[in-house]
Amino acid sequence: MDQQICSVLENKPLTDSVWRMRLKADTASITAPGQFVNLKLDGLYLRRPISVCDWDEGSVTLIYKIVGKGTEAMSHLWGGQASVDVLLGLGNGYDLTKSGPSPLLIGGGVGVPPMYGLAKKLLAQGKDVTVILGFNTKDEIFCEEEFKALGAKVFVTTVDGSYGVKGFVTDVMKDLSYTYFYTCGPMPMFKAIEKTAVTGGQFSFEERMGCGFGACMGCTCKTKYGNKRICKDGPVLEREEIVW
């Protein structure tokens, strides 16, 4: 864990409610896709955990959805003017060594961003990467072209059928061949994936957090090995250990 005051380099909307923020930061503490950062915002007691979308030596990119006071405040941190107190390098991230030659990445809504950094790393290893992006409607879609630009094969689903495949991510997943899967998104999607998947995989959980580094026990998940803290022992857990 590393605490820094980070300058906001960019902060702009991708859709009506989804924003992309890029922060100037020393990212040495970020070692794996799927890790997250925790932002301290003026006037709010708890920090806001946000998944890392991408990073390089001097910056970290976050994509977030405005859903409450914290993310609304984030949208007013103007690029080139604001700075923010950030805890970096939190969580365990995805284990790329288990991917096999043809991994499947599944992102639902605001669970899409960490899939980008993961896809980037896997493609750099020469893996044949397929990505499924799930949204409710066409107006909510973001990052489709960015994944295609990386070289991944991309499917988009919308619940209302306004774009791509009508239905859920599992409607595409059930017809694909893959060696392992990685996913991030809401719990209903996780449960559907658990029923559909034919290989091992890793789930990155989205939970409300108190401290973000394992002290308060406010974010736990039942596993075969006892309760695990999403912020410290996760957010990534393996399929085989989760008690649904």
C-alpha atoms as a PDB file:
ATOM      1  CA  MET A   1       0.000   0.000   0.000  1.00  0.00           C
ATOM      2  CA  ASP A   2       1.310   3.436  -0.959  1.00  0.00           C
ATOM      3  CA  GLN A   3      -0.234   6.817  -0.055  1.00  0.00           C
ATOM      4  CA  GLN A   4       0.288   9.712  -2.458  1.00  0.00           C
ATOM      5  CA  ILE A   5      -1.121  13.135  -3.315  1.00  0.00           C
ATOM      6  CA  CYS A   6      -1.852  12.720  -7.019  1.00  0.00           C
ATOM      7  CA  SER A   7      -2.475  15.459  -9.559  1.00  0.00           C
ATOM      8  CA  VAL A   8      -5.497  15.009 -11.804  1.00  0.00           C
ATOM      9  CA  LEU A   9      -4.256  14.943 -15.392  1.00  0.00           C
ATOM     10  CA  GLU A  10      -7.606  14.225 -17.049  1.00  0.00           C
ATOM     11  CA  ASN A  11     -11.202  13.763 -15.944  1.00  0.00           C
ATOM     12  CA  LYS A  12     -13.911  13.573 -18.576  1.00  0.00           C
ATOM     13  CA  PRO A  13     -17.202  11.798 -19.272  1.00  0.00           C
ATOM     14  CA  LEU A  14     -17.422   8.694 -21.466  1.00  0.00           C
ATOM     15  CA  THR A  15     -21.226   8.467 -21.180  1.00  0.00           C
ATOM     16  CA  ASP A  16     -23.866  10.445 -19.277  1.00  0.00           C
ATOM     17  CA  SER A  17     -22.766   8.844 -16.006  1.00  0.00           C
ATOM     18  CA  VAL A  18     -19.411   7.129 -16.619  1.00  0.00           C
ATOM     19  CA  TRP A  19     -16.168   9.137 -16.353  1.00  0.00           C
ATOM     20  CA  ARG A  20     -12.497   8.460 -17.003  1.00  0.00           C
ATOM     21  CA  MET A  21      -9.882   9.972 -14.669  1.00  0.00           C
ATOM     22  CA  ARG A  22      -6.125   9.838 -15.153  1.00  0.00           C
ATOM     23  CA  LEU A  23      -3.892  10.652 -12.190  1.00  0.00           C
ATOM     24  CA  LYS A  24      -0.186  11.468 -12.108  1.00  0.00           C
ATOM     25  CA  ALA A  25       1.285   8.865  -9.761  1.00  0.00           C
ATOM     26  CA  ASP A  26       4.204   6.627  -8.945  1.00  0.00           C
ATOM     27  CA  THR A  27       2.608   3.278  -9.772  1.00  0.00           C
ATOM     28  CA  ALA A  28       5.357   0.958  -8.484  1.00  0.00           C
ATOM     29  CA  SER A  29       2.916  -0.469  -5.910  1.00  0.00           C
ATOM     30  CA  ILE A  30       0.479  -1.593  -8.642  1.00  0.00           C
ATOM     31  CA  THR A  31       1.684  -5.035  -9.618  1.00  0.00           C
ATOM     32  CA  ALA A  32      -1.315  -6.799 -11.173  1.00  0.00           C
ATOM     33  CA  PRO A  33      -4.515  -5.973 -13.090  1.00  0.00           C
ATOM     34  CA  GLY A  34      -7.530  -6.128 -10.805  1.00  0.00           C
ATOM     35  CA  GLN A  35      -6.005  -4.128  -7.973  1.00  0.00           C
ATOM     36  CA  PHE A  36      -7.725  -0.948  -6.796  1.00  0.00           C
ATOM     37  CA  VAL A  37      -7.040   2.484  -5.334  1.00  0.00           C
ATOM     38  CA  ASN A  38      -8.824   4.305  -2.511  1.00  0.00           C
ATOM     39  CA  LEU A  39      -9.513   8.034  -2.860  1.00  0.00           C
ATOM     40  CA  LYS A  40     -10.023  10.511  -0.017  1.00  0.00           C
ATOM     41  CA  LEU A  41     -12.524  13.202  -0.992  1.00  0.00           C
ATOM     42  CA  ASP A  42     -13.101  16.491   0.831  1.00  0.00           C
ATOM     43  CA  GLY A  43     -16.115  16.442   3.157  1.00  0.00           C
ATOM     44  CA  LEU A  44     -16.578  12.660   3.043  1.00  0.00           C
ATOM     45  CA  TYR A  45     -15.439  10.371   5.857  1.00  0.00           C
ATOM     46  CA  LEU A  46     -14.829   7.119   3.990  1.00  0.00           C
ATOM     47  CA  ARG A  47     -12.495   6.770   1.041  1.00  0.00           C
ATOM     48  CA  ARG A  48     -13.897   5.605  -2.294  1.00  0.00           C
ATOM     49  CA  PRO A  49     -12.459   2.369  -3.749  1.00  0.00           C
ATOM     50  CA  ILE A  50     -12.059   2.422  -7.542  1.00  0.00           C
ATOM     51  CA  SER A  51     -10.648  -0.379  -9.705  1.00  0.00           C
ATOM     52  CA  VAL A  52      -7.539   0.351 -11.728  1.00  0.00           C
ATOM     53  CA  CYS A  53      -8.317   0.373 -15.439  1.00  0.00           C
ATOM     54  CA  ASP A  54      -4.770   0.885 -16.713  1.00  0.00           C
ATOM     55  CA  TRP A  55      -1.419   2.209 -15.560  1.00  0.00           C
ATOM     56  CA  ASP A  56       2.093   3.069 -16.675  1.00  0.00           C
ATOM     57  CA  GLU A  57       5.177   4.293 -14.815  1.00  0.00           C
ATOM     58  CA  GLY A  58       3.838   7.800 -14.274  1.00  0.00           C
ATOM     59  CA  SER A  59       0.057   7.582 -14.259  1.00  0.00           C
ATOM     60  CA  VAL A  60      -2.974   5.501 -13.341  1.00  0.00           C
ATOM     61  CA  THR A  61      -6.304   5.502 -15.204  1.00  0.00           C
ATOM     62  CA  LEU A  62      -9.612   4.996 -13.393  1.00  0.00           C
ATOM     63  CA  ILE A  63     -13.105   4.649 -14.863  1.00  0.00           C
ATOM     64  CA  TYR A  64     -15.996   5.267 -12.487  1.00  0.00           C
ATOM     65  CA  LYS A  65     -19.758   5.682 -12.557  1.00  0.00           C
ATOM     66  CA  ILE A  66     -21.512   8.530 -10.786  1.00  0.00           C
ATOM     67  CA  VAL A  67     -23.820   6.796  -8.305  1.00  0.00           C
ATOM     68  CA  GLY A  68     -23.577   8.883  -5.121  1.00  0.00           C
ATOM     69  CA  LYS A  69     -21.910  11.757  -3.295  1.00  0.00           C
ATOM     70  CA  GLY A  70     -18.404  10.345  -3.596  1.00  0.00           C
ATOM     71  CA  THR A  71     -18.369   9.709  -7.324  1.00  0.00           C
ATOM     72  CA  GLU A  72     -20.251  12.960  -7.920  1.00  0.00           C
ATOM     73  CA  ALA A  73     -17.456  14.781  -6.067  1.00  0.00           C
ATOM     74  CA  MET A  74     -14.884  12.960  -8.197  1.00  0.00           C
ATOM     75  CA  SER A  75     -16.464  14.359 -11.358  1.00  0.00           C
ATOM     76  CA  HIS A  76     -15.598  17.874 -10.149  1.00  0.00           C
ATOM     77  CA  LEU A  77     -11.867  17.206  -9.822  1.00  0.00           C
ATOM     78  CA  TRP A  78     -10.786  19.071 -12.912  1.00  0.00           C
ATOM     79  CA  GLY A  79      -7.787  17.931 -14.911  1.00  0.00           C
ATOM     80  CA  GLY A  80      -4.762  20.216 -14.577  1.00  0.00           C
ATOM     81  CA  GLN A  81      -6.204  21.923 -11.480  1.00  0.00           C
ATOM     82  CA  ALA A  82      -7.084  19.396  -8.773  1.00  0.00           C
ATOM     83  CA  SER A  83      -5.189  16.863  -6.702  1.00  0.00           C
ATOM     84  CA  VAL A  84      -6.413  13.986  -4.548  1.00  0.00           C
ATOM     85  CA  ASP A  85      -5.117  11.845  -1.669  1.00  0.00           C
ATOM     86  CA  VAL A  86      -4.844   8.259  -2.969  1.00  0.00           C
ATOM     87  CA  LEU A  87      -3.931   4.883  -1.496  1.00  0.00           C
ATOM     88  CA  LEU A  88      -2.460   2.813  -4.338  1.00  0.00           C
ATOM     89  CA  GLY A  89      -1.673  -0.854  -4.817  1.00  0.00           C
ATOM     90  CA  LEU A  90      -4.576  -2.251  -2.801  1.00  0.00           C
ATOM     91  CA  GLY A  91      -5.939  -5.780  -3.223  1.00  0.00           C
ATOM     92  CA  ASN A  92      -4.451  -8.871  -4.799  1.00  0.00           C
ATOM     93  CA  GLY A  93      -5.301  -8.576  -8.509  1.00  0.00           C
ATOM     94  CA  TYR A  94      -5.753 -11.361 -11.068  1.00  0.00           C
ATOM     95  CA  ASP A  95      -3.393 -14.317 -11.405  1.00  0.00           C
ATOM     96  CA  LEU A  96      -2.406 -14.414 -15.081  1.00  0.00           C
ATOM     97  CA  THR A  97      -0.493 -17.680 -14.786  1.00  0.00           C
ATOM     98  CA  LYS A  98      -3.731 -19.691 -14.831  1.00  0.00           C
ATOM     99  CA  SER A  99      -5.170 -18.203 -18.038  1.00  0.00           C
ATOM    100  CA  GLY A 100      -4.186 -20.881 -20.517  1.00  0.00           C
ATOM    101  CA  PRO A 101      -3.896 -19.961 -24.217  1.00  0.00           C
ATOM    102  CA  SER A 102      -7.472 -18.681 -24.716  1.00  0.00           C
ATOM    103  CA  PRO A 103      -8.772 -16.760 -21.682  1.00  0.00           C
ATOM    104  CA  LEU A 104     -12.259 -15.255 -21.544  1.00  0.00           C
ATOM    105  CA  LEU A 105     -12.755 -11.873 -19.859  1.00  0.00           C
ATOM    106  CA  ILE A 106     -16.247 -10.830 -18.742  1.00  0.00           C
ATOM    107  CA  GLY A 107     -17.095  -7.336 -17.526  1.00  0.00           C
ATOM    108  CA  GLY A 108     -20.511  -6.125 -16.454  1.00  0.00           C
ATOM    109  CA  GLY A 109     -21.192  -2.383 -16.259  1.00  0.00           C
ATOM    110  CA  VAL A 110     -18.660  -0.715 -13.967  1.00  0.00           C
ATOM    111  CA  GLY A 111     -16.919  -4.092 -13.765  1.00  0.00           C
ATOM    112  CA  VAL A 112     -15.583  -3.469 -17.278  1.00  0.00           C
ATOM    113  CA  PRO A 113     -12.570  -1.214 -16.424  1.00  0.00           C
ATOM    114  CA  PRO A 114     -10.261  -3.771 -14.738  1.00  0.00           C
ATOM    115  CA  MET A 115     -10.796  -6.085 -17.712  1.00  0.00           C
ATOM    116  CA  TYR A 116      -8.938  -3.551 -19.886  1.00  0.00           C
ATOM    117  CA  GLY A 117      -5.668  -3.722 -17.965  1.00  0.00           C
ATOM    118  CA  LEU A 118      -6.020  -7.497 -17.763  1.00  0.00           C
ATOM    119  CA  ALA A 119      -6.608  -7.849 -21.505  1.00  0.00           C
ATOM    120  CA  LYS A 120      -3.602  -5.656 -22.196  1.00  0.00           C
ATOM    121  CA  LYS A 121      -1.308  -7.854 -20.082  1.00  0.00           C
ATOM    122  CA  LEU A 122      -2.638 -11.152 -21.470  1.00  0.00           C
ATOM    123  CA  LEU A 123      -2.374  -9.998 -25.075  1.00  0.00           C
ATOM    124  CA  ALA A 124       1.217  -8.916 -24.421  1.00  0.00           C
ATOM    125  CA  GLN A 125       1.866 -12.543 -23.415  1.00  0.00           C
ATOM    126  CA  GLY A 126       0.549 -13.725 -26.782  1.00  0.00           C
ATOM    127  CA  LYS A 127      -2.752 -15.067 -25.458  1.00  0.00           C
ATOM    128  CA  ASP A 128      -5.899 -15.304 -27.631  1.00  0.00           C
ATOM    129  CA  VAL A 129      -8.174 -13.037 -25.595  1.00  0.00           C
ATOM    130  CA  THR A 130     -11.971 -12.868 -25.905  1.00  0.00           C
ATOM    131  CA  VAL A 131     -13.917 -10.189 -24.042  1.00  0.00           C
ATOM    132  CA  ILE A 132     -17.643  -9.987 -23.261  1.00  0.00           C
ATOM    133  CA  LEU A 133     -18.938  -6.582 -22.156  1.00  0.00           C
ATOM    134  CA  GLY A 134     -22.408  -6.529 -20.614  1.00  0.00           C
ATOM    135  CA  PHE A 135     -24.657  -3.473 -20.298  1.00  0.00           C
ATOM    136  CA  ASN A 136     -28.348  -2.713 -19.820  1.00  0.00           C
ATOM    137  CA  THR A 137     -28.721  -0.527 -22.895  1.00  0.00           C
ATOM    138  CA  LYS A 138     -26.761   1.029 -25.785  1.00  0.00           C
ATOM    139  CA  ASP A 139     -26.399   4.400 -24.023  1.00  0.00           C
ATOM    140  CA  GLU A 140     -24.358   2.799 -21.223  1.00  0.00           C
ATOM    141  CA  ILE A 141     -21.682   1.229 -23.436  1.00  0.00           C
ATOM    142  CA  PHE A 142     -18.070   2.335 -23.049  1.00  0.00           C
ATOM    143  CA  CYS A 143     -14.594   1.028 -23.963  1.00  0.00           C
ATOM    144  CA  GLU A 144     -15.711  -1.320 -26.750  1.00  0.00           C
ATOM    145  CA  GLU A 145     -13.390   0.284 -29.289  1.00  0.00           C
ATOM    146  CA  GLU A 146     -10.528   0.431 -26.779  1.00  0.00           C
ATOM    147  CA  PHE A 147     -10.654  -3.349 -26.294  1.00  0.00           C
ATOM    148  CA  LYS A 148     -10.781  -3.899 -30.056  1.00  0.00           C
ATOM    149  CA  ALA A 149      -7.764  -1.608 -30.503  1.00  0.00           C
ATOM    150  CA  LEU A 150      -5.789  -3.850 -28.149  1.00  0.00           C
ATOM    151  CA  GLY A 151      -6.479  -6.820 -30.427  1.00  0.00           C
ATOM    152  CA  ALA A 152      -9.068  -8.683 -28.375  1.00  0.00           C
ATOM    153  CA  LYS A 153     -12.148 -10.347 -29.836  1.00  0.00           C
ATOM    154  CA  VAL A 154     -15.058  -8.392 -28.365  1.00  0.00           C
ATOM    155  CA  PHE A 155     -18.740  -9.209 -27.828  1.00  0.00           C
ATOM    156  CA  VAL A 156     -21.196  -6.674 -26.399  1.00  0.00           C
ATOM    157  CA  THR A 157     -24.519  -7.622 -24.827  1.00  0.00           C
ATOM    158  CA  THR A 158     -27.418  -5.351 -23.871  1.00  0.00           C
ATOM    159  CA  VAL A 159     -30.365  -6.465 -21.792  1.00  0.00           C
ATOM    160  CA  ASP A 160     -32.823  -4.520 -23.950  1.00  0.00           C
ATOM    161  CA  GLY A 161     -31.249  -5.564 -27.259  1.00  0.00           C
ATOM    162  CA  SER A 162     -30.516  -1.995 -28.341  1.00  0.00           C
ATOM    163  CA  TYR A 163     -26.956  -2.983 -29.336  1.00  0.00           C
ATOM    164  CA  GLY A 164     -24.985  -6.160 -29.875  1.00  0.00           C
ATOM    165  CA  VAL A 165     -26.373  -9.427 -28.554  1.00  0.00           C
ATOM    166  CA  LYS A 166     -29.697  -9.127 -26.767  1.00  0.00           C
ATOM    167  CA  GLY A 167     -29.556 -10.624 -23.304  1.00  0.00           C
ATOM    168  CA  PHE A 168     -26.847 -11.278 -20.738  1.00  0.00           C
ATOM    169  CA  VAL A 169     -23.134 -12.090 -20.856  1.00  0.00           C
ATOM    170  CA  THR A 170     -23.918 -15.749 -20.288  1.00  0.00           C
ATOM    171  CA  ASP A 171     -25.924 -15.837 -23.531  1.00  0.00           C
ATOM    172  CA  VAL A 172     -22.617 -15.353 -25.352  1.00  0.00           C
ATOM    173  CA  MET A 173     -20.463 -17.243 -22.868  1.00  0.00           C
ATOM    174  CA  LYS A 174     -22.353 -20.541 -23.264  1.00  0.00           C
ATOM    175  CA  ASP A 175     -21.385 -20.778 -26.936  1.00  0.00           C
ATOM    176  CA  LEU A 176     -17.674 -19.962 -26.573  1.00  0.00           C
ATOM    177  CA  SER A 177     -14.611 -22.154 -26.126  1.00  0.00           C
ATOM    178  CA  TYR A 178     -12.071 -20.866 -23.575  1.00  0.00           C
ATOM    179  CA  THR A 179      -9.375 -22.157 -21.251  1.00  0.00           C
ATOM    180  CA  TYR A 180     -10.090 -19.991 -18.183  1.00  0.00           C
ATOM    181  CA  PHE A 181     -12.242 -16.995 -17.302  1.00  0.00           C
ATOM    182  CA  TYR A 182     -11.824 -13.719 -15.424  1.00  0.00           C
ATOM    183  CA  THR A 183     -14.730 -11.494 -14.443  1.00  0.00           C
ATOM    184  CA  CYS A 184     -15.785  -8.373 -12.576  1.00  0.00           C
ATOM    185  CA  GLY A 185     -19.313  -7.077 -12.127  1.00  0.00           C
ATOM    186  CA  PRO A 186     -22.496  -7.326 -10.056  1.00  0.00           C
ATOM    187  CA  MET A 187     -23.436 -10.342  -7.952  1.00  0.00           C
ATOM    188  CA  PRO A 188     -26.408 -11.500 -10.136  1.00  0.00           C
ATOM    189  CA  MET A 189     -24.009 -11.722 -13.085  1.00  0.00           C
ATOM    190  CA  PHE A 190     -21.520 -13.690 -10.969  1.00  0.00           C
ATOM    191  CA  LYS A 191     -24.144 -16.234  -9.990  1.00  0.00           C
ATOM    192  CA  ALA A 192     -25.185 -16.687 -13.619  1.00  0.00           C
ATOM    193  CA  ILE A 193     -21.554 -17.130 -14.678  1.00  0.00           C
ATOM    194  CA  GLU A 194     -20.999 -19.694 -11.922  1.00  0.00           C
ATOM    195  CA  LYS A 195     -23.861 -21.767 -13.359  1.00  0.00           C
ATOM    196  CA  THR A 196     -22.618 -21.412 -16.946  1.00  0.00           C
ATOM    197  CA  ALA A 197     -18.821 -21.634 -16.756  1.00  0.00           C
ATOM    198  CA  VAL A 198     -17.087 -24.847 -17.821  1.00  0.00           C
ATOM    199  CA  THR A 199     -13.562 -23.977 -16.597  1.00  0.00           C
ATOM    200  CA  GLY A 200     -11.880 -22.516 -13.562  1.00  0.00           C
ATOM    201  CA  GLY A 201     -11.929 -18.776 -13.145  1.00  0.00           C
ATOM    202  CA  GLN A 202     -11.475 -15.718 -10.959  1.00  0.00           C
ATOM    203  CA  PHE A 203     -14.134 -13.300  -9.698  1.00  0.00           C
ATOM    204  CA  SER A 204     -13.322  -9.722  -8.674  1.00  0.00           C
ATOM    205  CA  PHE A 205     -15.919  -8.588  -6.138  1.00  0.00           C
ATOM    206  CA  GLU A 206     -17.380  -5.096  -5.912  1.00  0.00           C
ATOM    207  CA  GLU A 207     -18.077  -4.306  -2.255  1.00  0.00           C
ATOM    208  CA  ARG A 208     -18.575  -1.266  -0.061  1.00  0.00           C
ATOM    209  CA  MET A 209     -15.472  -0.870   2.076  1.00  0.00           C
ATOM    210  CA  GLY A 210     -14.607   0.858   5.317  1.00  0.00           C
ATOM    211  CA  CYS A 211     -10.822   1.063   5.484  1.00  0.00           C
ATOM    212  CA  GLY A 212      -9.796  -0.629   2.226  1.00  0.00           C
ATOM    213  CA  PHE A 213      -6.807  -2.464   3.695  1.00  0.00           C
ATOM    214  CA  GLY A 214      -8.203  -5.179   5.970  1.00  0.00           C
ATOM    215  CA  ALA A 215      -8.462  -3.518   9.374  1.00  0.00           C
ATOM    216  CA  CYS A 216     -12.218  -3.150   9.853  1.00  0.00           C
ATOM    217  CA  MET A 217     -13.593  -6.492   8.519  1.00  0.00           C
ATOM    218  CA  GLY A 218     -16.408  -4.540   6.855  1.00  0.00           C
ATOM    219  CA  CYS A 219     -16.236  -6.361   3.522  1.00  0.00           C
ATOM    220  CA  THR A 220     -16.181 -10.133   3.800  1.00  0.00           C
ATOM    221  CA  CYS A 221     -17.083 -13.059   1.576  1.00  0.00           C
ATOM    222  CA  LYS A 222     -17.753 -16.655   2.614  1.00  0.00           C
ATOM    223  CA  THR A 223     -15.246 -19.146   1.227  1.00  0.00           C
ATOM    224  CA  LYS A 224     -14.413 -22.790   1.850  1.00  0.00           C
ATOM    225  CA  TYR A 225     -11.517 -21.531   3.957  1.00  0.00           C
ATOM    226  CA  GLY A 226     -13.566 -19.156   6.126  1.00  0.00           C
ATOM    227  CA  ASN A 227     -14.502 -15.516   5.641  1.00  0.00           C
ATOM    228  CA  LYS A 228     -12.123 -13.513   3.451  1.00  0.00           C
ATOM    229  CA  ARG A 229     -11.801  -9.738   3.374  1.00  0.00           C
ATOM    230  CA  ILE A 230     -12.560  -8.403  -0.099  1.00  0.00           C
ATOM    231  CA  CYS A 231     -10.208  -5.447   0.317  1.00  0.00           C
ATOM    232  CA  LYS A 232      -7.211  -7.409   1.631  1.00  0.00           C
ATOM    233  CA  ASP A 233      -7.642 -11.081   0.648  1.00  0.00           C
ATOM    234  CA  GLY A 234      -9.413 -10.043  -2.567  1.00  0.00           C
ATOM    235  CA  PRO A 235     -11.005  -8.401  -4.414  1.00  0.00           C
ATOM    236  CA  VAL A 236     -10.118 -11.362  -6.631  1.00  0.00           C
ATOM    237  CA  LEU A 237     -11.182 -14.806  -5.421  1.00  0.00           C
ATOM    238  CA  GLU A 238     -10.957 -18.110  -7.276  1.00  0.00           C
ATOM    239  CA  ARG A 239     -14.122 -19.881  -8.407  1.00  0.00           C
ATOM    240  CA  GLU A 240     -13.286 -23.065  -6.523  1.00  0.00           C
ATOM    241  CA  GLU A 241     -13.068 -21.378  -3.114  1.00  0.00           C
ATOM    242  CA  ILE A 242     -16.259 -19.274  -3.143  1.00  0.00           C
ATOM    243  CA  VAL A 243     -19.352 -20.359  -1.214  1.00  0.00           C
ATOM    244  CA  TRP A 244     -22.305 -19.011  -3.194  1.00  0.00           C
END
